[in-house]
Amino acid sequence: MESSTSSEPPTNYSELIKTLLSKIEVLVNDNNADEAQPLLGTLNTELKQWCESSEGPSAEQLELIQLRINTILVKANSAKNESSKAIIKHKKSGKAIKAYKASR
């Protein structure tokens, strides 16, 4: 999205990145992290383009983006762990029911 010679306005990467991160965060919070994959790809592409642009992000901006990504990852991993615990508990309950029925 290089627009120094075209009539298109320059991309506001900062706002675009914030929007993408917000959408990813909403999906993670709604336990739909799998649906965030395409957005993660877009985020990666836009970050790369921003870094390669003539007005790349400052170190502070990159640190804030990394902090937000890390926060989202913590939430996603926490939700994944809770889901795993629920699945294991469900499997154990199912085994207990089968054992009980087999003993009757």
PDB file of N, CA and C in Angstrom:
ATOM      1  N   MET A   1       0.820  -1.173   0.000  1.00  0.00           N
ATOM      2  CA  MET A   1       0.000   0.000   0.000  1.00  0.00           C
ATOM      3  C   MET A   1       0.873   1.248   0.000  1.00  0.00           C
ATOM      4  N   GLU A   2       1.813   1.275  -0.903  1.00  0.00           N
ATOM      5  CA  GLU A   2       2.673   2.432  -1.032  1.00  0.00           C
ATOM      6  C   GLU A   2       1.913   3.460  -1.842  1.00  0.00           C
ATOM      7  N   SER A   3       1.725   4.636  -1.288  1.00  0.00           N
ATOM      8  CA  SER A   3       0.900   5.594  -1.989  1.00  0.00           C
ATOM      9  C   SER A   3       1.560   6.961  -2.099  1.00  0.00           C
ATOM     10  N   SER A   4       2.867   6.992  -2.104  1.00  0.00           N
ATOM     11  CA  SER A   4       3.544   8.270  -2.192  1.00  0.00           C
ATOM     12  C   SER A   4       3.361   8.910  -3.572  1.00  0.00           C
ATOM     13  N   THR A   5       3.125   8.098  -4.591  1.00  0.00           N
ATOM     14  CA  THR A   5       2.937   8.657  -5.923  1.00  0.00           C
ATOM     15  C   THR A   5       1.514   8.484  -6.427  1.00  0.00           C
ATOM     16  N   SER A   6       0.700   7.695  -5.759  1.00  0.00           N
ATOM     17  CA  SER A   6      -0.667   7.492  -6.219  1.00  0.00           C
ATOM     18  C   SER A   6      -1.589   8.503  -5.560  1.00  0.00           C
ATOM     19  N   SER A   7      -2.840   8.512  -6.002  1.00  0.00           N
ATOM     20  CA  SER A   7      -3.800   9.459  -5.448  1.00  0.00           C
ATOM     21  C   SER A   7      -4.475   8.924  -4.183  1.00  0.00           C
ATOM     22  N   GLU A   8      -4.192   7.693  -3.807  1.00  0.00           N
ATOM     23  CA  GLU A   8      -4.777   7.121  -2.597  1.00  0.00           C
ATOM     24  C   GLU A   8      -4.104   7.716  -1.364  1.00  0.00           C
ATOM     25  N   PRO A   9      -4.900   7.937  -0.314  1.00  0.00           N
ATOM     26  CA  PRO A   9      -4.276   8.445   0.914  1.00  0.00           C
ATOM     27  C   PRO A   9      -3.401   7.361   1.537  1.00  0.00           C
ATOM     28  N   PRO A  10      -2.374   7.743   2.291  1.00  0.00           N
ATOM     29  CA  PRO A  10      -1.521   6.737   2.910  1.00  0.00           C
ATOM     30  C   PRO A  10      -2.309   5.922   3.939  1.00  0.00           C
ATOM     31  N   THR A  11      -1.927   4.678   4.095  1.00  0.00           N
ATOM     32  CA  THR A  11      -2.594   3.803   5.041  1.00  0.00           C
ATOM     33  C   THR A  11      -2.257   4.233   6.458  1.00  0.00           C
ATOM     34  N   ASN A  12      -3.268   4.280   7.304  1.00  0.00           N
ATOM     35  CA  ASN A  12      -3.040   4.568   8.716  1.00  0.00           C
ATOM     36  C   ASN A  12      -2.840   3.217   9.399  1.00  0.00           C
ATOM     37  N   TYR A  13      -1.621   2.738   9.364  1.00  0.00           N
ATOM     38  CA  TYR A  13      -1.308   1.412   9.886  1.00  0.00           C
ATOM     39  C   TYR A  13      -1.634   1.299  11.371  1.00  0.00           C
ATOM     40  N   SER A  14      -1.380   2.342  12.122  1.00  0.00           N
ATOM     41  CA  SER A  14      -1.629   2.298  13.559  1.00  0.00           C
ATOM     42  C   SER A  14      -3.087   1.962  13.846  1.00  0.00           C
ATOM     43  N   GLU A  15      -3.993   2.660  13.188  1.00  0.00           N
ATOM     44  CA  GLU A  15      -5.431   2.412  13.402  1.00  0.00           C
ATOM     45  C   GLU A  15      -5.838   1.043  12.868  1.00  0.00           C
ATOM     46  N   LEU A  16      -5.279   0.653  11.740  1.00  0.00           N
ATOM     47  CA  LEU A  16      -5.589  -0.650  11.156  1.00  0.00           C
ATOM     48  C   LEU A  16      -5.154  -1.770  12.096  1.00  0.00           C
ATOM     49  N   ILE A  17      -3.960  -1.651  12.665  1.00  0.00           N
ATOM     50  CA  ILE A  17      -3.447  -2.658  13.595  1.00  0.00           C
ATOM     51  C   ILE A  17      -4.327  -2.718  14.838  1.00  0.00           C
ATOM     52  N   LYS A  18      -4.697  -1.547  15.372  1.00  0.00           N
ATOM     53  CA  LYS A  18      -5.576  -1.508  16.552  1.00  0.00           C
ATOM     54  C   LYS A  18      -6.907  -2.193  16.265  1.00  0.00           C
ATOM     55  N   THR A  19      -7.460  -1.934  15.090  1.00  0.00           N
ATOM     56  CA  THR A  19      -8.738  -2.542  14.705  1.00  0.00           C
ATOM     57  C   THR A  19      -8.610  -4.060  14.608  1.00  0.00           C
ATOM     58  N   LEU A  20      -7.552  -4.528  13.963  1.00  0.00           N
ATOM     59  CA  LEU A  20      -7.334  -5.969  13.829  1.00  0.00           C
ATOM     60  C   LEU A  20      -7.169  -6.622  15.209  1.00  0.00           C
ATOM     61  N   LEU A  21      -6.381  -5.985  16.076  1.00  0.00           N
ATOM     62  CA  LEU A  21      -6.179  -6.527  17.420  1.00  0.00           C
ATOM     63  C   LEU A  21      -7.491  -6.566  18.199  1.00  0.00           C
ATOM     64  N   SER A  22      -8.315  -5.549  18.033  1.00  0.00           N
ATOM     65  CA  SER A  22      -9.613  -5.515  18.716  1.00  0.00           C
ATOM     66  C   SER A  22     -10.504  -6.657  18.238  1.00  0.00           C
ATOM     67  N   LYS A  23     -10.533  -6.887  16.935  1.00  0.00           N
ATOM     68  CA  LYS A  23     -11.346  -7.974  16.378  1.00  0.00           C
ATOM     69  C   LYS A  23     -10.845  -9.336  16.869  1.00  0.00           C
ATOM     70  N   ILE A  24      -9.530  -9.505  16.914  1.00  0.00           N
ATOM     71  CA  ILE A  24      -8.946 -10.756  17.399  1.00  0.00           C
ATOM     72  C   ILE A  24      -9.299 -10.948  18.869  1.00  0.00           C
ATOM     73  N   GLU A  25      -9.186  -9.888  19.643  1.00  0.00           N
ATOM     74  CA  GLU A  25      -9.489  -9.962  21.070  1.00  0.00           C
ATOM     75  C   GLU A  25     -10.949 -10.335  21.318  1.00  0.00           C
ATOM     76  N   VAL A  26     -11.862  -9.777  20.528  1.00  0.00           N
ATOM     77  CA  VAL A  26     -13.279 -10.110  20.659  1.00  0.00           C
ATOM     78  C   VAL A  26     -13.500 -11.597  20.371  1.00  0.00           C
ATOM     79  N   LEU A  27     -12.868 -12.102  19.325  1.00  0.00           N
ATOM     80  CA  LEU A  27     -13.014 -13.521  18.997  1.00  0.00           C
ATOM     81  C   LEU A  27     -12.479 -14.403  20.118  1.00  0.00           C
ATOM     82  N   VAL A  28     -11.335 -14.041  20.679  1.00  0.00           N
ATOM     83  CA  VAL A  28     -10.758 -14.818  21.780  1.00  0.00           C
ATOM     84  C   VAL A  28     -11.677 -14.764  22.994  1.00  0.00           C
ATOM     85  N   ASN A  29     -12.175 -13.582  23.312  1.00  0.00           N
ATOM     86  CA  ASN A  29     -13.063 -13.431  24.466  1.00  0.00           C
ATOM     87  C   ASN A  29     -14.372 -14.196  24.296  1.00  0.00           C
ATOM     88  N   ASP A  30     -14.792 -14.366  23.044  1.00  0.00           N
ATOM     89  CA  ASP A  30     -16.026 -15.110  22.754  1.00  0.00           C
ATOM     90  C   ASP A  30     -15.764 -16.596  22.502  1.00  0.00           C
ATOM     91  N   ASN A  31     -14.568 -17.063  22.850  1.00  0.00           N
ATOM     92  CA  ASN A  31     -14.167 -18.458  22.645  1.00  0.00           C
ATOM     93  C   ASN A  31     -14.241 -18.888  21.188  1.00  0.00           C
ATOM     94  N   ASN A  32     -13.909 -17.975  20.293  1.00  0.00           N
ATOM     95  CA  ASN A  32     -13.867 -18.260  18.856  1.00  0.00           C
ATOM     96  C   ASN A  32     -12.471 -18.000  18.297  1.00  0.00           C
ATOM     97  N   ALA A  33     -11.457 -18.350  19.060  1.00  0.00           N
ATOM     98  CA  ALA A  33     -10.082 -18.056  18.658  1.00  0.00           C
ATOM     99  C   ALA A  33      -9.722 -18.689  17.316  1.00  0.00           C
ATOM    100  N   ASP A  34     -10.304 -19.836  17.006  1.00  0.00           N
ATOM    101  CA  ASP A  34     -10.003 -20.481  15.722  1.00  0.00           C
ATOM    102  C   ASP A  34     -10.380 -19.585  14.545  1.00  0.00           C
ATOM    103  N   GLU A  35     -11.404 -18.769  14.726  1.00  0.00           N
ATOM    104  CA  GLU A  35     -11.850 -17.888  13.655  1.00  0.00           C
ATOM    105  C   GLU A  35     -10.921 -16.686  13.478  1.00  0.00           C
ATOM    106  N   ALA A  36      -9.975 -16.525  14.383  1.00  0.00           N
ATOM    107  CA  ALA A  36      -9.045 -15.391  14.308  1.00  0.00           C
ATOM    108  C   ALA A  36      -7.881 -15.646  13.357  1.00  0.00           C
ATOM    109  N   GLN A  37      -7.710 -16.870  12.891  1.00  0.00           N
ATOM    110  CA  GLN A  37      -6.566 -17.203  12.035  1.00  0.00           C
ATOM    111  C   GLN A  37      -6.415 -16.273  10.832  1.00  0.00           C
ATOM    112  N   PRO A  38      -7.492 -16.026  10.073  1.00  0.00           N
ATOM    113  CA  PRO A  38      -7.320 -15.119   8.923  1.00  0.00           C
ATOM    114  C   PRO A  38      -6.911 -13.707   9.362  1.00  0.00           C
ATOM    115  N   LEU A  39      -7.445 -13.261  10.491  1.00  0.00           N
ATOM    116  CA  LEU A  39      -7.091 -11.930  10.993  1.00  0.00           C
ATOM    117  C   LEU A  39      -5.639 -11.877  11.439  1.00  0.00           C
ATOM    118  N   LEU A  40      -5.140 -12.983  11.988  1.00  0.00           N
ATOM    119  CA  LEU A  40      -3.736 -13.035  12.391  1.00  0.00           C
ATOM    120  C   LEU A  40      -2.825 -12.914  11.171  1.00  0.00           C
ATOM    121  N   GLY A  41      -3.216 -13.550  10.085  1.00  0.00           N
ATOM    122  CA  GLY A  41      -2.454 -13.440   8.844  1.00  0.00           C
ATOM    123  C   GLY A  41      -2.447 -12.011   8.327  1.00  0.00           C
ATOM    124  N   THR A  42      -3.599 -11.373   8.365  1.00  0.00           N
ATOM    125  CA  THR A  42      -3.703  -9.984   7.931  1.00  0.00           C
ATOM    126  C   THR A  42      -2.890  -9.078   8.850  1.00  0.00           C
ATOM    127  N   LEU A  43      -2.963  -9.324  10.156  1.00  0.00           N
ATOM    128  CA  LEU A  43      -2.192  -8.551  11.123  1.00  0.00           C
ATOM    129  C   LEU A  43      -0.698  -8.646  10.815  1.00  0.00           C
ATOM    130  N   ASN A  44      -0.239  -9.853  10.571  1.00  0.00           N
ATOM    131  CA  ASN A  44       1.171 -10.064  10.255  1.00  0.00           C
ATOM    132  C   ASN A  44       1.573  -9.296   9.000  1.00  0.00           C
ATOM    133  N   THR A  45       0.759  -9.381   7.965  1.00  0.00           N
ATOM    134  CA  THR A  45       1.047  -8.696   6.702  1.00  0.00           C
ATOM    135  C   THR A  45       1.081  -7.180   6.892  1.00  0.00           C
ATOM    136  N   GLU A  46       0.077  -6.659   7.601  1.00  0.00           N
ATOM    137  CA  GLU A  46       0.008  -5.205   7.794  1.00  0.00           C
ATOM    138  C   GLU A  46       1.152  -4.698   8.668  1.00  0.00           C
ATOM    139  N   LEU A  47       1.507  -5.454   9.701  1.00  0.00           N
ATOM    140  CA  LEU A  47       2.644  -5.065  10.538  1.00  0.00           C
ATOM    141  C   LEU A  47       3.932  -5.022   9.722  1.00  0.00           C
ATOM    142  N   LYS A  48       4.101  -6.038   8.891  1.00  0.00           N
ATOM    143  CA  LYS A  48       5.294  -6.093   8.044  1.00  0.00           C
ATOM    144  C   LYS A  48       5.333  -4.907   7.080  1.00  0.00           C
ATOM    145  N   GLN A  49       4.199  -4.610   6.454  1.00  0.00           N
ATOM    146  CA  GLN A  49       4.148  -3.478   5.526  1.00  0.00           C
ATOM    147  C   GLN A  49       4.414  -2.166   6.254  1.00  0.00           C
ATOM    148  N   TRP A  50       3.865  -2.043   7.464  1.00  0.00           N
ATOM    149  CA  TRP A  50       4.073  -0.824   8.238  1.00  0.00           C
ATOM    150  C   TRP A  50       5.556  -0.650   8.575  1.00  0.00           C
ATOM    151  N   CYS A  51       6.174  -1.732   8.994  1.00  0.00           N
ATOM    152  CA  CYS A  51       7.599  -1.671   9.351  1.00  0.00           C
ATOM    153  C   CYS A  51       8.468  -1.328   8.146  1.00  0.00           C
ATOM    154  N   GLU A  52       8.041  -1.757   6.965  1.00  0.00           N
ATOM    155  CA  GLU A  52       8.808  -1.498   5.754  1.00  0.00           C
ATOM    156  C   GLU A  52       8.457  -0.163   5.103  1.00  0.00           C
ATOM    157  N   SER A  53       7.419   0.495   5.592  1.00  0.00           N
ATOM    158  CA  SER A  53       7.000   1.763   5.000  1.00  0.00           C
ATOM    159  C   SER A  53       7.935   2.896   5.418  1.00  0.00           C
ATOM    160  N   SER A  54       7.817   4.006   4.742  1.00  0.00           N
ATOM    161  CA  SER A  54       8.677   5.152   5.043  1.00  0.00           C
ATOM    162  C   SER A  54       8.374   5.749   6.421  1.00  0.00           C
ATOM    163  N   GLU A  55       7.164   5.554   6.906  1.00  0.00           N
ATOM    164  CA  GLU A  55       6.789   6.047   8.227  1.00  0.00           C
ATOM    165  C   GLU A  55       6.483   4.858   9.137  1.00  0.00           C
ATOM    166  N   GLY A  56       7.465   4.029   9.350  1.00  0.00           N
ATOM    167  CA  GLY A  56       7.295   2.832  10.166  1.00  0.00           C
ATOM    168  C   GLY A  56       6.985   3.168  11.619  1.00  0.00           C
ATOM    169  N   PRO A  57       6.590   2.160  12.372  1.00  0.00           N
ATOM    170  CA  PRO A  57       6.226   2.371  13.772  1.00  0.00           C
ATOM    171  C   PRO A  57       7.452   2.699  14.626  1.00  0.00           C
ATOM    172  N   SER A  58       7.186   3.393  15.712  1.00  0.00           N
ATOM    173  CA  SER A  58       8.258   3.675  16.663  1.00  0.00           C
ATOM    174  C   SER A  58       8.459   2.441  17.541  1.00  0.00           C
ATOM    175  N   ALA A  59       9.549   2.412  18.256  1.00  0.00           N
ATOM    176  CA  ALA A  59       9.807   1.299  19.179  1.00  0.00           C
ATOM    177  C   ALA A  59       8.700   1.222  20.222  1.00  0.00           C
ATOM    178  N   GLU A  60       8.227   2.364  20.680  1.00  0.00           N
ATOM    179  CA  GLU A  60       7.157   2.389  21.684  1.00  0.00           C
ATOM    180  C   GLU A  60       5.868   1.788  21.117  1.00  0.00           C
ATOM    181  N   GLN A  61       5.530   2.134  19.885  1.00  0.00           N
ATOM    182  CA  GLN A  61       4.333   1.568  19.259  1.00  0.00           C
ATOM    183  C   GLN A  61       4.447   0.057  19.137  1.00  0.00           C
ATOM    184  N   LEU A  62       5.611  -0.413  18.720  1.00  0.00           N
ATOM    185  CA  LEU A  62       5.814  -1.858  18.590  1.00  0.00           C
ATOM    186  C   LEU A  62       5.717  -2.559  19.948  1.00  0.00           C
ATOM    187  N   GLU A  63       6.251  -1.925  20.980  1.00  0.00           N
ATOM    188  CA  GLU A  63       6.162  -2.507  22.325  1.00  0.00           C
ATOM    189  C   GLU A  63       4.707  -2.594  22.787  1.00  0.00           C
ATOM    190  N   LEU A  64       3.922  -1.557  22.499  1.00  0.00           N
ATOM    191  CA  LEU A  64       2.503  -1.574  22.882  1.00  0.00           C
ATOM    192  C   LEU A  64       1.733  -2.642  22.110  1.00  0.00           C
ATOM    193  N   ILE A  65       2.059  -2.790  20.840  1.00  0.00           N
ATOM    194  CA  ILE A  65       1.417  -3.833  20.033  1.00  0.00           C
ATOM    195  C   ILE A  65       1.776  -5.211  20.587  1.00  0.00           C
ATOM    196  N   GLN A  66       3.058  -5.408  20.901  1.00  0.00           N
ATOM    197  CA  GLN A  66       3.503  -6.690  21.453  1.00  0.00           C
ATOM    198  C   GLN A  66       2.822  -6.976  22.787  1.00  0.00           C
ATOM    199  N   LEU A  67       2.679  -5.962  23.619  1.00  0.00           N
ATOM    200  CA  LEU A  67       2.003  -6.119  24.902  1.00  0.00           C
ATOM    201  C   LEU A  67       0.552  -6.548  24.697  1.00  0.00           C
ATOM    202  N   ARG A  68      -0.104  -5.924  23.750  1.00  0.00           N
ATOM    203  CA  ARG A  68      -1.513  -6.274  23.475  1.00  0.00           C
ATOM    204  C   ARG A  68      -1.616  -7.693  22.929  1.00  0.00           C
ATOM    205  N   ILE A  69      -0.714  -8.061  22.045  1.00  0.00           N
ATOM    206  CA  ILE A  69      -0.704  -9.428  21.498  1.00  0.00           C
ATOM    207  C   ILE A  69      -0.478 -10.425  22.627  1.00  0.00           C
ATOM    208  N   ASN A  70       0.475 -10.138  23.505  1.00  0.00           N
ATOM    209  CA  ASN A  70       0.748 -11.038  24.630  1.00  0.00           C
ATOM    210  C   ASN A  70      -0.464 -11.172  25.546  1.00  0.00           C
ATOM    211  N   THR A  71      -1.171 -10.092  25.785  1.00  0.00           N
ATOM    212  CA  THR A  71      -2.372 -10.128  26.618  1.00  0.00           C
ATOM    213  C   THR A  71      -3.440 -11.019  25.981  1.00  0.00           C
ATOM    214  N   ILE A  72      -3.611 -10.876  24.684  1.00  0.00           N
ATOM    215  CA  ILE A  72      -4.583 -11.705  23.964  1.00  0.00           C
ATOM    216  C   ILE A  72      -4.170 -13.176  24.029  1.00  0.00           C
ATOM    217  N   LEU A  73      -2.876 -13.446  23.858  1.00  0.00           N
ATOM    218  CA  LEU A  73      -2.388 -14.829  23.918  1.00  0.00           C
ATOM    219  C   LEU A  73      -2.616 -15.452  25.295  1.00  0.00           C
ATOM    220  N   VAL A  74      -2.412 -14.670  26.343  1.00  0.00           N
ATOM    221  CA  VAL A  74      -2.655 -15.179  27.696  1.00  0.00           C
ATOM    222  C   VAL A  74      -4.119 -15.574  27.840  1.00  0.00           C
ATOM    223  N   LYS A  75      -5.018 -14.724  27.357  1.00  0.00           N
ATOM    224  CA  LYS A  75      -6.454 -15.033  27.423  1.00  0.00           C
ATOM    225  C   LYS A  75      -6.778 -16.284  26.613  1.00  0.00           C
ATOM    226  N   ALA A  76      -6.197 -16.387  25.425  1.00  0.00           N
ATOM    227  CA  ALA A  76      -6.459 -17.538  24.564  1.00  0.00           C
ATOM    228  C   ALA A  76      -5.949 -18.822  25.206  1.00  0.00           C
ATOM    229  N   ASN A  77      -4.748 -18.777  25.776  1.00  0.00           N
ATOM    230  CA  ASN A  77      -4.196 -19.968  26.425  1.00  0.00           C
ATOM    231  C   ASN A  77      -4.998 -20.354  27.657  1.00  0.00           C
ATOM    232  N   SER A  78      -5.475 -19.373  28.388  1.00  0.00           N
ATOM    233  CA  SER A  78      -6.296 -19.640  29.564  1.00  0.00           C
ATOM    234  C   SER A  78      -7.598 -20.332  29.154  1.00  0.00           C
ATOM    235  N   ALA A  79      -8.223 -19.814  28.114  1.00  0.00           N
ATOM    236  CA  ALA A  79      -9.459 -20.424  27.618  1.00  0.00           C
ATOM    237  C   ALA A  79      -9.199 -21.834  27.106  1.00  0.00           C
ATOM    238  N   LYS A  80      -8.081 -22.030  26.439  1.00  0.00           N
ATOM    239  CA  LYS A  80      -7.718 -23.359  25.931  1.00  0.00           C
ATOM    240  C   LYS A  80      -7.526 -24.339  27.089  1.00  0.00           C
ATOM    241  N   ASN A  81      -6.839 -23.881  28.140  1.00  0.00           N
ATOM    242  CA  ASN A  81      -6.628 -24.738  29.309  1.00  0.00           C
ATOM    243  C   ASN A  81      -7.948 -25.102  29.986  1.00  0.00           C
ATOM    244  N   GLU A  82      -8.851 -24.137  30.100  1.00  0.00           N
ATOM    245  CA  GLU A  82     -10.156 -24.405  30.704  1.00  0.00           C
ATOM    246  C   GLU A  82     -10.940 -25.408  29.863  1.00  0.00           C
ATOM    247  N   SER A  83     -10.870 -25.257  28.557  1.00  0.00           N
ATOM    248  CA  SER A  83     -11.556 -26.198  27.661  1.00  0.00           C
ATOM    249  C   SER A  83     -10.976 -27.601  27.810  1.00  0.00           C
ATOM    250  N   SER A  84      -9.653 -27.678  27.903  1.00  0.00           N
ATOM    251  CA  SER A  84      -9.001 -28.984  28.068  1.00  0.00           C
ATOM    252  C   SER A  84      -9.425 -29.637  29.375  1.00  0.00           C
ATOM    253  N   LYS A  85      -9.472 -28.855  30.442  1.00  0.00           N
ATOM    254  CA  LYS A  85      -9.906 -29.390  31.739  1.00  0.00           C
ATOM    255  C   LYS A  85     -11.342 -29.907  31.656  1.00  0.00           C
ATOM    256  N   ALA A  86     -12.210 -29.155  30.985  1.00  0.00           N
ATOM    257  CA  ALA A  86     -13.610 -29.563  30.846  1.00  0.00           C
ATOM    258  C   ALA A  86     -13.723 -30.854  30.040  1.00  0.00           C
ATOM    259  N   ILE A  87     -12.923 -30.973  28.997  1.00  0.00           N
ATOM    260  CA  ILE A  87     -12.950 -32.188  28.172  1.00  0.00           C
ATOM    261  C   ILE A  87     -12.476 -33.389  28.988  1.00  0.00           C
ATOM    262  N   ILE A  88     -11.390 -33.206  29.726  1.00  0.00           N
ATOM    263  CA  ILE A  88     -10.864 -34.305  30.552  1.00  0.00           C
ATOM    264  C   ILE A  88     -11.887 -34.708  31.599  1.00  0.00           C
ATOM    265  N   LYS A  89     -12.508 -33.738  32.237  1.00  0.00           N
ATOM    266  CA  LYS A  89     -13.527 -34.020  33.256  1.00  0.00           C
ATOM    267  C   LYS A  89     -14.689 -34.777  32.634  1.00  0.00           C
ATOM    268  N   HIS A  90     -15.101 -34.349  31.441  1.00  0.00           N
ATOM    269  CA  HIS A  90     -16.201 -35.014  30.746  1.00  0.00           C
ATOM    270  C   HIS A  90     -15.834 -36.464  30.408  1.00  0.00           C
ATOM    271  N   LYS A  91     -14.593 -36.665  29.936  1.00  0.00           N
ATOM    272  CA  LYS A  91     -14.151 -38.026  29.605  1.00  0.00           C
ATOM    273  C   LYS A  91     -14.117 -38.901  30.853  1.00  0.00           C
ATOM    274  N   LYS A  92     -13.620 -38.339  31.956  1.00  0.00           N
ATOM    275  CA  LYS A  92     -13.572 -39.102  33.203  1.00  0.00           C
ATOM    276  C   LYS A  92     -14.980 -39.457  33.667  1.00  0.00           C
ATOM    277  N   SER A  93     -15.909 -38.513  33.531  1.00  0.00           N
ATOM    278  CA  SER A  93     -17.297 -38.779  33.916  1.00  0.00           C
ATOM    279  C   SER A  93     -17.882 -39.890  33.050  1.00  0.00           C
ATOM    280  N   GLY A  94     -17.568 -39.822  31.754  1.00  0.00           N
ATOM    281  CA  GLY A  94     -18.060 -40.854  30.838  1.00  0.00           C
ATOM    282  C   GLY A  94     -17.502 -42.217  31.186  1.00  0.00           C
ATOM    283  N   LYS A  95     -16.213 -42.279  31.549  1.00  0.00           N
ATOM    284  CA  LYS A  95     -15.605 -43.548  31.940  1.00  0.00           C
ATOM    285  C   LYS A  95     -16.224 -44.064  33.227  1.00  0.00           C
ATOM    286  N   ALA A  96     -16.482 -43.165  34.155  1.00  0.00           N
ATOM    287  CA  ALA A  96     -17.090 -43.562  35.431  1.00  0.00           C
ATOM    288  C   ALA A  96     -18.488 -44.120  35.194  1.00  0.00           C
ATOM    289  N   ILE A  97     -19.240 -43.499  34.317  1.00  0.00           N
ATOM    290  CA  ILE A  97     -20.597 -43.978  34.012  1.00  0.00           C
ATOM    291  C   ILE A  97     -20.525 -45.350  33.358  1.00  0.00           C
ATOM    292  N   LYS A  98     -19.596 -45.517  32.423  1.00  0.00           N
ATOM    293  CA  LYS A  98     -19.443 -46.818  31.750  1.00  0.00           C
ATOM    294  C   LYS A  98     -19.045 -47.902  32.765  1.00  0.00           C
ATOM    295  N   ALA A  99     -18.127 -47.570  33.672  1.00  0.00           N
ATOM    296  CA  ALA A  99     -17.698 -48.533  34.698  1.00  0.00           C
ATOM    297  C   ALA A  99     -18.868 -48.885  35.602  1.00  0.00           C
ATOM    298  N   TYR A 100     -19.649 -47.915  35.960  1.00  0.00           N
ATOM    299  CA  TYR A 100     -20.809 -48.154  36.828  1.00  0.00           C
ATOM    300  C   TYR A 100     -21.802 -49.062  36.123  1.00  0.00           C
ATOM    301  N   LYS A 101     -22.092 -48.765  34.851  1.00  0.00           N
ATOM    302  CA  LYS A 101     -23.049 -49.578  34.104  1.00  0.00           C
ATOM    303  C   LYS A 101     -22.528 -50.985  33.920  1.00  0.00           C
ATOM    304  N   ALA A 102     -21.205 -51.130  33.739  1.00  0.00           N
ATOM    305  CA  ALA A 102     -20.603 -52.455  33.553  1.00  0.00           C
ATOM    306  C   ALA A 102     -20.660 -53.270  34.832  1.00  0.00           C
ATOM    307  N   SER A 103     -20.676 -52.599  35.984  1.00  0.00           N
ATOM    308  CA  SER A 103     -20.701 -53.318  37.252  1.00  0.00           C
ATOM    309  C   SER A 103     -22.088 -53.746  37.652  1.00  0.00           C
ATOM    310  N   ARG A 104     -23.079 -53.306  36.979  1.00  0.00           N
ATOM    311  CA  ARG A 104     -24.463 -53.642  37.346  1.00  0.00           C
ATOM    312  C   ARG A 104     -24.891 -54.917  36.727  1.00  0.00           C
TER     313      ARG A 104
END
